[in-house]
Amino acid sequence: MSELLVNGRTHDGPCPELVWVPNQVAVCPECRGRLLVQCDGWEDATGKPIETCISVDCENEPDPDDPDWEDKRHRGYQSDWQPVIDRVRAWALRRVRVVRKGK
């Protein structure tokens, strides 16, 4: 199991693997909701996330099991999302570190 640290401290994310993105960094380009970061890959020696392994999601994205998911989900247009993803990844590379738990 891994835990993400922000600025060297634990955080208030919904679980150890997810971190809230500060609103001053970025918000959802579609609904202005809070964003979450998850890191699926990192450098073992430093805990620094690998840029291409940082995913960004909106707190308001509906559950895929919702029968109305197709009507409620965000469009995800690259023209809207790519600048936001770039900002969030740059922030995460500076501020987030992954710590392995229970080795």
PDB file of N, CA and C in Angstrom:
ATOM      1  N   MET A   1       0.842  -1.179   0.000  1.00  0.00           N
ATOM      2  CA  MET A   1       0.000   0.000   0.000  1.00  0.00           C
ATOM      3  C   MET A   1       0.887   1.242   0.000  1.00  0.00           C
ATOM      4  N   SER A   2       0.411   2.284  -0.603  1.00  0.00           N
ATOM      5  CA  SER A   2       1.162   3.539  -0.641  1.00  0.00           C
ATOM      6  C   SER A   2       0.297   4.674  -0.122  1.00  0.00           C
ATOM      7  N   GLU A   3       0.972   5.723   0.307  1.00  0.00           N
ATOM      8  CA  GLU A   3       0.287   6.926   0.775  1.00  0.00           C
ATOM      9  C   GLU A   3       0.947   8.118   0.096  1.00  0.00           C
ATOM     10  N   LEU A   4       0.145   9.095  -0.283  1.00  0.00           N
ATOM     11  CA  LEU A   4       0.679  10.301  -0.895  1.00  0.00           C
ATOM     12  C   LEU A   4       0.856  11.363   0.169  1.00  0.00           C
ATOM     13  N   LEU A   5       1.998  12.024   0.153  1.00  0.00           N
ATOM     14  CA  LEU A   5       2.268  13.136   1.059  1.00  0.00           C
ATOM     15  C   LEU A   5       2.306  14.418   0.247  1.00  0.00           C
ATOM     16  N   VAL A   6       1.785  15.491   0.803  1.00  0.00           N
ATOM     17  CA  VAL A   6       1.823  16.794   0.157  1.00  0.00           C
ATOM     18  C   VAL A   6       2.672  17.697   1.040  1.00  0.00           C
ATOM     19  N   ASN A   7       3.705  18.264   0.446  1.00  0.00           N
ATOM     20  CA  ASN A   7       4.643  19.110   1.203  1.00  0.00           C
ATOM     21  C   ASN A   7       5.191  18.374   2.424  1.00  0.00           C
ATOM     22  N   GLY A   8       5.396  17.064   2.295  1.00  0.00           N
ATOM     23  CA  GLY A   8       5.983  16.281   3.365  1.00  0.00           C
ATOM     24  C   GLY A   8       5.033  15.885   4.479  1.00  0.00           C
ATOM     25  N   ARG A   9       3.757  16.188   4.345  1.00  0.00           N
ATOM     26  CA  ARG A   9       2.780  15.891   5.403  1.00  0.00           C
ATOM     27  C   ARG A   9       1.632  15.054   4.844  1.00  0.00           C
ATOM     28  N   THR A  10       0.950  14.350   5.756  1.00  0.00           N
ATOM     29  CA  THR A  10      -0.257  13.654   5.339  1.00  0.00           C
ATOM     30  C   THR A  10      -1.286  14.697   4.917  1.00  0.00           C
ATOM     31  N   HIS A  11      -2.328  14.283   4.287  1.00  0.00           N
ATOM     32  CA  HIS A  11      -3.289  15.206   3.681  1.00  0.00           C
ATOM     33  C   HIS A  11      -4.702  14.809   4.039  1.00  0.00           C
ATOM     34  N   ASP A  12      -5.666  15.592   3.585  1.00  0.00           N
ATOM     35  CA  ASP A  12      -7.068  15.342   3.895  1.00  0.00           C
ATOM     36  C   ASP A  12      -7.836  14.722   2.735  1.00  0.00           C
ATOM     37  N   GLY A  13      -7.139  13.999   1.874  1.00  0.00           N
ATOM     38  CA  GLY A  13      -7.815  13.350   0.754  1.00  0.00           C
ATOM     39  C   GLY A  13      -8.771  12.272   1.227  1.00  0.00           C
ATOM     40  N   PRO A  14      -9.645  11.796   0.346  1.00  0.00           N
ATOM     41  CA  PRO A  14     -10.638  10.804   0.732  1.00  0.00           C
ATOM     42  C   PRO A  14     -10.046   9.441   1.093  1.00  0.00           C
ATOM     43  N   CYS A  15      -8.812   9.168   0.662  1.00  0.00           N
ATOM     44  CA  CYS A  15      -8.105   7.941   1.016  1.00  0.00           C
ATOM     45  C   CYS A  15      -6.613   8.202   0.817  1.00  0.00           C
ATOM     46  N   PRO A  16      -5.739   7.349   1.339  1.00  0.00           N
ATOM     47  CA  PRO A  16      -4.296   7.628   1.259  1.00  0.00           C
ATOM     48  C   PRO A  16      -3.749   7.759  -0.165  1.00  0.00           C
ATOM     49  N   GLU A  17      -4.427   7.155  -1.144  1.00  0.00           N
ATOM     50  CA  GLU A  17      -3.917   7.165  -2.516  1.00  0.00           C
ATOM     51  C   GLU A  17      -4.388   8.357  -3.336  1.00  0.00           C
ATOM     52  N   LEU A  18      -5.289   9.177  -2.794  1.00  0.00           N
ATOM     53  CA  LEU A  18      -5.834  10.321  -3.528  1.00  0.00           C
ATOM     54  C   LEU A  18      -5.544  11.613  -2.781  1.00  0.00           C
ATOM     55  N   VAL A  19      -5.213  12.659  -3.520  1.00  0.00           N
ATOM     56  CA  VAL A  19      -4.919  13.966  -2.935  1.00  0.00           C
ATOM     57  C   VAL A  19      -5.818  15.012  -3.581  1.00  0.00           C
ATOM     58  N   TRP A  20      -6.406  15.881  -2.748  1.00  0.00           N
ATOM     59  CA  TRP A  20      -7.160  17.017  -3.280  1.00  0.00           C
ATOM     60  C   TRP A  20      -6.174  18.014  -3.878  1.00  0.00           C
ATOM     61  N   VAL A  21      -6.513  18.554  -5.020  1.00  0.00           N
ATOM     62  CA  VAL A  21      -5.725  19.606  -5.655  1.00  0.00           C
ATOM     63  C   VAL A  21      -6.230  20.941  -5.109  1.00  0.00           C
ATOM     64  N   PRO A  22      -5.342  21.797  -4.615  1.00  0.00           N
ATOM     65  CA  PRO A  22      -5.813  23.106  -4.132  1.00  0.00           C
ATOM     66  C   PRO A  22      -6.527  23.876  -5.243  1.00  0.00           C
ATOM     67  N   ASN A  23      -7.616  24.554  -4.887  1.00  0.00           N
ATOM     68  CA  ASN A  23      -8.386  25.308  -5.884  1.00  0.00           C
ATOM     69  C   ASN A  23      -7.545  26.364  -6.581  1.00  0.00           C
ATOM     70  N   GLN A  24      -6.542  26.917  -5.890  1.00  0.00           N
ATOM     71  CA  GLN A  24      -5.714  27.938  -6.535  1.00  0.00           C
ATOM     72  C   GLN A  24      -4.809  27.336  -7.611  1.00  0.00           C
ATOM     73  N   VAL A  25      -4.629  26.006  -7.592  1.00  0.00           N
ATOM     74  CA  VAL A  25      -3.856  25.343  -8.645  1.00  0.00           C
ATOM     75  C   VAL A  25      -4.758  25.106  -9.856  1.00  0.00           C
ATOM     76  N   ALA A  26      -5.923  24.492  -9.618  1.00  0.00           N
ATOM     77  CA  ALA A  26      -6.853  24.205 -10.716  1.00  0.00           C
ATOM     78  C   ALA A  26      -8.165  23.680 -10.161  1.00  0.00           C
ATOM     79  N   VAL A  27      -9.219  23.879 -10.940  1.00  0.00           N
ATOM     80  CA  VAL A  27     -10.526  23.283 -10.671  1.00  0.00           C
ATOM     81  C   VAL A  27     -11.002  22.629 -11.965  1.00  0.00           C
ATOM     82  N   CYS A  28     -12.048  21.869 -11.873  1.00  0.00           N
ATOM     83  CA  CYS A  28     -12.586  21.187 -13.046  1.00  0.00           C
ATOM     84  C   CYS A  28     -12.984  22.211 -14.111  1.00  0.00           C
ATOM     85  N   PRO A  29     -12.527  22.024 -15.342  1.00  0.00           N
ATOM     86  CA  PRO A  29     -12.876  22.977 -16.397  1.00  0.00           C
ATOM     87  C   PRO A  29     -14.331  22.866 -16.867  1.00  0.00           C
ATOM     88  N   GLU A  30     -15.019  21.833 -16.405  1.00  0.00           N
ATOM     89  CA  GLU A  30     -16.397  21.655 -16.844  1.00  0.00           C
ATOM     90  C   GLU A  30     -17.427  22.078 -15.798  1.00  0.00           C
ATOM     91  N   CYS A  31     -17.170  21.762 -14.513  1.00  0.00           N
ATOM     92  CA  CYS A  31     -18.176  22.059 -13.484  1.00  0.00           C
ATOM     93  C   CYS A  31     -17.618  22.907 -12.343  1.00  0.00           C
ATOM     94  N   ARG A  32     -16.332  23.245 -12.403  1.00  0.00           N
ATOM     95  CA  ARG A  32     -15.645  24.032 -11.372  1.00  0.00           C
ATOM     96  C   ARG A  32     -15.506  23.279 -10.051  1.00  0.00           C
ATOM     97  N   GLY A  33     -15.688  21.944 -10.079  1.00  0.00           N
ATOM     98  CA  GLY A  33     -15.542  21.118  -8.883  1.00  0.00           C
ATOM     99  C   GLY A  33     -14.080  20.912  -8.511  1.00  0.00           C
ATOM    100  N   ARG A  34     -13.875  20.351  -7.320  1.00  0.00           N
ATOM    101  CA  ARG A  34     -12.520  20.056  -6.848  1.00  0.00           C
ATOM    102  C   ARG A  34     -11.944  18.883  -7.637  1.00  0.00           C
ATOM    103  N   LEU A  35     -10.634  18.927  -7.804  1.00  0.00           N
ATOM    104  CA  LEU A  35      -9.934  17.867  -8.517  1.00  0.00           C
ATOM    105  C   LEU A  35      -9.159  16.993  -7.545  1.00  0.00           C
ATOM    106  N   LEU A  36      -8.967  15.744  -7.948  1.00  0.00           N
ATOM    107  CA  LEU A  36      -8.197  14.768  -7.185  1.00  0.00           C
ATOM    108  C   LEU A  36      -7.055  14.250  -8.040  1.00  0.00           C
ATOM    109  N   VAL A  37      -5.927  13.978  -7.385  1.00  0.00           N
ATOM    110  CA  VAL A  37      -4.762  13.402  -8.051  1.00  0.00           C
ATOM    111  C   VAL A  37      -4.533  11.999  -7.513  1.00  0.00           C
ATOM    112  N   GLN A  38      -4.188  11.093  -8.425  1.00  0.00           N
ATOM    113  CA  GLN A  38      -3.741   9.756  -8.044  1.00  0.00           C
ATOM    114  C   GLN A  38      -2.448   9.482  -8.797  1.00  0.00           C
ATOM    115  N   CYS A  39      -1.476   8.898  -8.107  1.00  0.00           N
ATOM    116  CA  CYS A  39      -0.185   8.577  -8.715  1.00  0.00           C
ATOM    117  C   CYS A  39      -0.033   7.064  -8.765  1.00  0.00           C
ATOM    118  N   ASP A  40       0.063   6.528  -9.968  1.00  0.00           N
ATOM    119  CA  ASP A  40       0.176   5.078 -10.135  1.00  0.00           C
ATOM    120  C   ASP A  40       1.602   4.625 -10.396  1.00  0.00           C
ATOM    121  N   GLY A  41       2.538   5.563 -10.447  1.00  0.00           N
ATOM    122  CA  GLY A  41       3.939   5.215 -10.649  1.00  0.00           C
ATOM    123  C   GLY A  41       4.823   6.306 -10.083  1.00  0.00           C
ATOM    124  N   TRP A  42       5.970   5.936  -9.515  1.00  0.00           N
ATOM    125  CA  TRP A  42       6.861   6.903  -8.882  1.00  0.00           C
ATOM    126  C   TRP A  42       8.280   6.356  -8.854  1.00  0.00           C
ATOM    127  N   GLU A  43       9.232   7.238  -8.628  1.00  0.00           N
ATOM    128  CA  GLU A  43      10.628   6.852  -8.488  1.00  0.00           C
ATOM    129  C   GLU A  43      10.812   6.237  -7.102  1.00  0.00           C
ATOM    130  N   ASP A  44      11.339   5.031  -7.042  1.00  0.00           N
ATOM    131  CA  ASP A  44      11.484   4.349  -5.756  1.00  0.00           C
ATOM    132  C   ASP A  44      12.358   5.124  -4.775  1.00  0.00           C
ATOM    133  N   ALA A  45      13.448   5.684  -5.256  1.00  0.00           N
ATOM    134  CA  ALA A  45      14.413   6.334  -4.356  1.00  0.00           C
ATOM    135  C   ALA A  45      13.867   7.620  -3.735  1.00  0.00           C
ATOM    136  N   THR A  46      13.081   8.379  -4.500  1.00  0.00           N
ATOM    137  CA  THR A  46      12.641   9.695  -4.029  1.00  0.00           C
ATOM    138  C   THR A  46      11.152   9.780  -3.713  1.00  0.00           C
ATOM    139  N   GLY A  47      10.360   8.861  -4.246  1.00  0.00           N
ATOM    140  CA  GLY A  47       8.912   8.936  -4.086  1.00  0.00           C
ATOM    141  C   GLY A  47       8.267   9.945  -5.023  1.00  0.00           C
ATOM    142  N   LYS A  48       9.075  10.571  -5.891  1.00  0.00           N
ATOM    143  CA  LYS A  48       8.545  11.561  -6.831  1.00  0.00           C
ATOM    144  C   LYS A  48       7.683  10.848  -7.877  1.00  0.00           C
ATOM    145  N   PRO A  49       6.461  11.347  -8.085  1.00  0.00           N
ATOM    146  CA  PRO A  49       5.598  10.730  -9.092  1.00  0.00           C
ATOM    147  C   PRO A  49       6.217  10.811 -10.494  1.00  0.00           C
ATOM    148  N   ILE A  50       5.908   9.832 -11.306  1.00  0.00           N
ATOM    149  CA  ILE A  50       6.271   9.867 -12.723  1.00  0.00           C
ATOM    150  C   ILE A  50       5.154  10.625 -13.433  1.00  0.00           C
ATOM    151  N   GLU A  51       5.529  11.635 -14.178  1.00  0.00           N
ATOM    152  CA  GLU A  51       4.535  12.560 -14.743  1.00  0.00           C
ATOM    153  C   GLU A  51       3.412  11.853 -15.486  1.00  0.00           C
ATOM    154  N   THR A  52       3.742  10.886 -16.319  1.00  0.00           N
ATOM    155  CA  THR A  52       2.712  10.205 -17.114  1.00  0.00           C
ATOM    156  C   THR A  52       1.859   9.257 -16.278  1.00  0.00           C
ATOM    157  N   CYS A  53       2.211   9.051 -15.011  1.00  0.00           N
ATOM    158  CA  CYS A  53       1.447   8.178 -14.115  1.00  0.00           C
ATOM    159  C   CYS A  53       0.574   8.965 -13.147  1.00  0.00           C
ATOM    160  N   ILE A  54       0.457  10.264 -13.371  1.00  0.00           N
ATOM    161  CA  ILE A  54      -0.385  11.116 -12.530  1.00  0.00           C
ATOM    162  C   ILE A  54      -1.729  11.282 -13.233  1.00  0.00           C
ATOM    163  N   SER A  55      -2.791  10.814 -12.571  1.00  0.00           N
ATOM    164  CA  SER A  55      -4.120  10.989 -13.158  1.00  0.00           C
ATOM    165  C   SER A  55      -4.899  12.040 -12.378  1.00  0.00           C
ATOM    166  N   VAL A  56      -5.786  12.719 -13.095  1.00  0.00           N
ATOM    167  CA  VAL A  56      -6.560  13.819 -12.528  1.00  0.00           C
ATOM    168  C   VAL A  56      -8.038  13.531 -12.772  1.00  0.00           C
ATOM    169  N   ASP A  57      -8.825  13.627 -11.705  1.00  0.00           N
ATOM    170  CA  ASP A  57     -10.259  13.378 -11.812  1.00  0.00           C
ATOM    171  C   ASP A  57     -11.029  14.450 -11.053  1.00  0.00           C
ATOM    172  N   CYS A  58     -12.258  14.669 -11.456  1.00  0.00           N
ATOM    173  CA  CYS A  58     -13.148  15.623 -10.783  1.00  0.00           C
ATOM    174  C   CYS A  58     -13.979  14.897  -9.731  1.00  0.00           C
ATOM    175  N   GLU A  59     -14.183  15.567  -8.593  1.00  0.00           N
ATOM    176  CA  GLU A  59     -14.994  14.981  -7.524  1.00  0.00           C
ATOM    177  C   GLU A  59     -16.436  14.756  -7.967  1.00  0.00           C
ATOM    178  N   ASN A  60     -16.900  15.467  -8.980  1.00  0.00           N
ATOM    179  CA  ASN A  60     -18.293  15.377  -9.418  1.00  0.00           C
ATOM    180  C   ASN A  60     -18.523  14.425 -10.581  1.00  0.00           C
ATOM    181  N   GLU A  61     -17.495  13.726 -10.998  1.00  0.00           N
ATOM    182  CA  GLU A  61     -17.666  12.743 -12.078  1.00  0.00           C
ATOM    183  C   GLU A  61     -18.581  11.632 -11.543  1.00  0.00           C
ATOM    184  N   PRO A  62     -19.629  11.275 -12.275  1.00  0.00           N
ATOM    185  CA  PRO A  62     -20.577  10.280 -11.749  1.00  0.00           C
ATOM    186  C   PRO A  62     -19.978   8.875 -11.704  1.00  0.00           C
ATOM    187  N   ASP A  63     -20.572   8.043 -10.908  1.00  0.00           N
ATOM    188  CA  ASP A  63     -20.186   6.641 -10.790  1.00  0.00           C
ATOM    189  C   ASP A  63     -20.489   5.944 -12.123  1.00  0.00           C
ATOM    190  N   PRO A  64     -19.533   5.184 -12.659  1.00  0.00           N
ATOM    191  CA  PRO A  64     -19.782   4.490 -13.936  1.00  0.00           C
ATOM    192  C   PRO A  64     -20.934   3.488 -13.862  1.00  0.00           C
ATOM    193  N   ASP A  65     -21.300   3.057 -12.659  1.00  0.00           N
ATOM    194  CA  ASP A  65     -22.417   2.119 -12.517  1.00  0.00           C
ATOM    195  C   ASP A  65     -23.774   2.820 -12.536  1.00  0.00           C
ATOM    196  N   ASP A  66     -23.780   4.138 -12.504  1.00  0.00           N
ATOM    197  CA  ASP A  66     -25.023   4.908 -12.562  1.00  0.00           C
ATOM    198  C   ASP A  66     -25.666   4.675 -13.929  1.00  0.00           C
ATOM    199  N   PRO A  67     -26.936   4.306 -13.974  1.00  0.00           N
ATOM    200  CA  PRO A  67     -27.599   4.052 -15.265  1.00  0.00           C
ATOM    201  C   PRO A  67     -27.609   5.281 -16.181  1.00  0.00           C
ATOM    202  N   ASP A  68     -27.536   6.483 -15.589  1.00  0.00           N
ATOM    203  CA  ASP A  68     -27.524   7.708 -16.384  1.00  0.00           C
ATOM    204  C   ASP A  68     -26.109   8.243 -16.594  1.00  0.00           C
ATOM    205  N   TRP A  69     -25.110   7.403 -16.377  1.00  0.00           N
ATOM    206  CA  TRP A  69     -23.710   7.819 -16.462  1.00  0.00           C
ATOM    207  C   TRP A  69     -23.407   8.542 -17.777  1.00  0.00           C
ATOM    208  N   GLU A  70     -23.856   8.004 -18.867  1.00  0.00           N
ATOM    209  CA  GLU A  70     -23.544   8.577 -20.184  1.00  0.00           C
ATOM    210  C   GLU A  70     -24.042  10.018 -20.299  1.00  0.00           C
ATOM    211  N   ASP A  71     -25.186  10.318 -19.679  1.00  0.00           N
ATOM    212  CA  ASP A  71     -25.743  11.667 -19.744  1.00  0.00           C
ATOM    213  C   ASP A  71     -25.094  12.622 -18.743  1.00  0.00           C
ATOM    214  N   LYS A  72     -24.570  12.094 -17.640  1.00  0.00           N
ATOM    215  CA  LYS A  72     -24.040  12.919 -16.560  1.00  0.00           C
ATOM    216  C   LYS A  72     -22.529  13.142 -16.619  1.00  0.00           C
ATOM    217  N   ARG A  73     -21.816  12.255 -17.309  1.00  0.00           N
ATOM    218  CA  ARG A  73     -20.354  12.312 -17.244  1.00  0.00           C
ATOM    219  C   ARG A  73     -19.796  13.552 -17.925  1.00  0.00           C
ATOM    220  N   HIS A  74     -18.601  13.927 -17.506  1.00  0.00           N
ATOM    221  CA  HIS A  74     -17.919  15.060 -18.130  1.00  0.00           C
ATOM    222  C   HIS A  74     -17.504  14.674 -19.554  1.00  0.00           C
ATOM    223  N   ARG A  75     -17.440  15.662 -20.415  1.00  0.00           N
ATOM    224  CA  ARG A  75     -17.087  15.414 -21.820  1.00  0.00           C
ATOM    225  C   ARG A  75     -15.619  15.008 -21.955  1.00  0.00           C
ATOM    226  N   GLY A  76     -14.762  15.656 -21.173  1.00  0.00           N
ATOM    227  CA  GLY A  76     -13.333  15.323 -21.222  1.00  0.00           C
ATOM    228  C   GLY A  76     -12.631  15.806 -22.476  1.00  0.00           C
ATOM    229  N   TYR A  77     -13.105  16.885 -23.077  1.00  0.00           N
ATOM    230  CA  TYR A  77     -12.452  17.395 -24.285  1.00  0.00           C
ATOM    231  C   TYR A  77     -11.022  17.810 -23.966  1.00  0.00           C
ATOM    232  N   GLN A  78     -10.099  17.353 -24.786  1.00  0.00           N
ATOM    233  CA  GLN A  78      -8.690  17.647 -24.541  1.00  0.00           C
ATOM    234  C   GLN A  78      -8.426  19.148 -24.506  1.00  0.00           C
ATOM    235  N   SER A  79      -9.116  19.909 -25.343  1.00  0.00           N
ATOM    236  CA  SER A  79      -8.896  21.358 -25.369  1.00  0.00           C
ATOM    237  C   SER A  79      -9.240  22.009 -24.024  1.00  0.00           C
ATOM    238  N   ASP A  80     -10.198  21.437 -23.303  1.00  0.00           N
ATOM    239  CA  ASP A  80     -10.566  21.946 -21.981  1.00  0.00           C
ATOM    240  C   ASP A  80      -9.663  21.389 -20.886  1.00  0.00           C
ATOM    241  N   TRP A  81      -9.382  20.111 -20.973  1.00  0.00           N
ATOM    242  CA  TRP A  81      -8.703  19.420 -19.885  1.00  0.00           C
ATOM    243  C   TRP A  81      -7.178  19.484 -19.926  1.00  0.00           C
ATOM    244  N   GLN A  82      -6.564  19.507 -21.111  1.00  0.00           N
ATOM    245  CA  GLN A  82      -5.101  19.400 -21.160  1.00  0.00           C
ATOM    246  C   GLN A  82      -4.379  20.517 -20.407  1.00  0.00           C
ATOM    247  N   PRO A  83      -4.790  21.781 -20.532  1.00  0.00           N
ATOM    248  CA  PRO A  83      -4.110  22.814 -19.734  1.00  0.00           C
ATOM    249  C   PRO A  83      -4.250  22.584 -18.230  1.00  0.00           C
ATOM    250  N   VAL A  84      -5.390  22.076 -17.803  1.00  0.00           N
ATOM    251  CA  VAL A  84      -5.615  21.790 -16.389  1.00  0.00           C
ATOM    252  C   VAL A  84      -4.740  20.622 -15.946  1.00  0.00           C
ATOM    253  N   ILE A  85      -4.719  19.572 -16.730  1.00  0.00           N
ATOM    254  CA  ILE A  85      -3.885  18.410 -16.399  1.00  0.00           C
ATOM    255  C   ILE A  85      -2.417  18.817 -16.334  1.00  0.00           C
ATOM    256  N   ASP A  86      -1.969  19.635 -17.256  1.00  0.00           N
ATOM    257  CA  ASP A  86      -0.571  20.091 -17.243  1.00  0.00           C
ATOM    258  C   ASP A  86      -0.258  20.864 -15.964  1.00  0.00           C
ATOM    259  N   ARG A  87      -1.159  21.765 -15.546  1.00  0.00           N
ATOM    260  CA  ARG A  87      -0.957  22.535 -14.307  1.00  0.00           C
ATOM    261  C   ARG A  87      -0.929  21.628 -13.084  1.00  0.00           C
ATOM    262  N   VAL A  88      -1.869  20.685 -13.029  1.00  0.00           N
ATOM    263  CA  VAL A  88      -1.956  19.784 -11.875  1.00  0.00           C
ATOM    264  C   VAL A  88      -0.732  18.875 -11.822  1.00  0.00           C
ATOM    265  N   ARG A  89      -0.315  18.348 -12.945  1.00  0.00           N
ATOM    266  CA  ARG A  89       0.881  17.489 -12.948  1.00  0.00           C
ATOM    267  C   ARG A  89       2.113  18.269 -12.507  1.00  0.00           C
ATOM    268  N   ALA A  90       2.253  19.503 -12.955  1.00  0.00           N
ATOM    269  CA  ALA A  90       3.406  20.325 -12.535  1.00  0.00           C
ATOM    270  C   ALA A  90       3.365  20.543 -11.021  1.00  0.00           C
ATOM    271  N   TRP A  91       2.187  20.818 -10.481  1.00  0.00           N
ATOM    272  CA  TRP A  91       2.037  20.988  -9.033  1.00  0.00           C
ATOM    273  C   TRP A  91       2.402  19.690  -8.305  1.00  0.00           C
ATOM    274  N   ALA A  92       1.868  18.569  -8.786  1.00  0.00           N
ATOM    275  CA  ALA A  92       2.119  17.278  -8.129  1.00  0.00           C
ATOM    276  C   ALA A  92       3.605  16.918  -8.165  1.00  0.00           C
ATOM    277  N   LEU A  93       4.264  17.207  -9.261  1.00  0.00           N
ATOM    278  CA  LEU A  93       5.701  16.907  -9.343  1.00  0.00           C
ATOM    279  C   LEU A  93       6.495  17.715  -8.325  1.00  0.00           C
ATOM    280  N   ARG A  94       6.038  18.918  -8.011  1.00  0.00           N
ATOM    281  CA  ARG A  94       6.723  19.761  -7.019  1.00  0.00           C
ATOM    282  C   ARG A  94       6.347  19.398  -5.587  1.00  0.00           C
ATOM    283  N   ARG A  95       5.096  19.001  -5.357  1.00  0.00           N
ATOM    284  CA  ARG A  95       4.579  18.925  -3.988  1.00  0.00           C
ATOM    285  C   ARG A  95       4.249  17.534  -3.449  1.00  0.00           C
ATOM    286  N   VAL A  96       4.006  16.569  -4.326  1.00  0.00           N
ATOM    287  CA  VAL A  96       3.526  15.257  -3.884  1.00  0.00           C
ATOM    288  C   VAL A  96       4.664  14.232  -3.893  1.00  0.00           C
ATOM    289  N   ARG A  97       4.690  13.395  -2.850  1.00  0.00           N
ATOM    290  CA  ARG A  97       5.632  12.287  -2.783  1.00  0.00           C
ATOM    291  C   ARG A  97       4.861  11.053  -2.347  1.00  0.00           C
ATOM    292  N   VAL A  98       5.307   9.900  -2.821  1.00  0.00           N
ATOM    293  CA  VAL A  98       4.670   8.633  -2.507  1.00  0.00           C
ATOM    294  C   VAL A  98       5.522   7.910  -1.478  1.00  0.00           C
ATOM    295  N   VAL A  99       4.884   7.440  -0.421  1.00  0.00           N
ATOM    296  CA  VAL A  99       5.562   6.696   0.632  1.00  0.00           C
ATOM    297  C   VAL A  99       4.953   5.294   0.666  1.00  0.00           C
ATOM    298  N   ARG A 100       5.788   4.286   0.570  1.00  0.00           N
ATOM    299  CA  ARG A 100       5.301   2.894   0.641  1.00  0.00           C
ATOM    300  C   ARG A 100       5.028   2.539   2.094  1.00  0.00           C
ATOM    301  N   LYS A 101       3.898   1.920   2.334  1.00  0.00           N
ATOM    302  CA  LYS A 101       3.505   1.494   3.680  1.00  0.00           C
ATOM    303  C   LYS A 101       3.514  -0.031   3.741  1.00  0.00           C
ATOM    304  N   GLY A 102       3.894  -0.564   4.876  1.00  0.00           N
ATOM    305  CA  GLY A 102       3.788  -1.989   5.118  1.00  0.00           C
ATOM    306  C   GLY A 102       4.728  -2.860   4.323  1.00  0.00           C
ATOM    307  N   LYS A 103       5.919  -2.369   4.038  1.00  0.00           N
ATOM    308  CA  LYS A 103       6.892  -3.189   3.309  1.00  0.00           C
ATOM    309  C   LYS A 103       7.421  -4.281   4.189  1.00  0.00           C
TER     310      LYS A 103
END
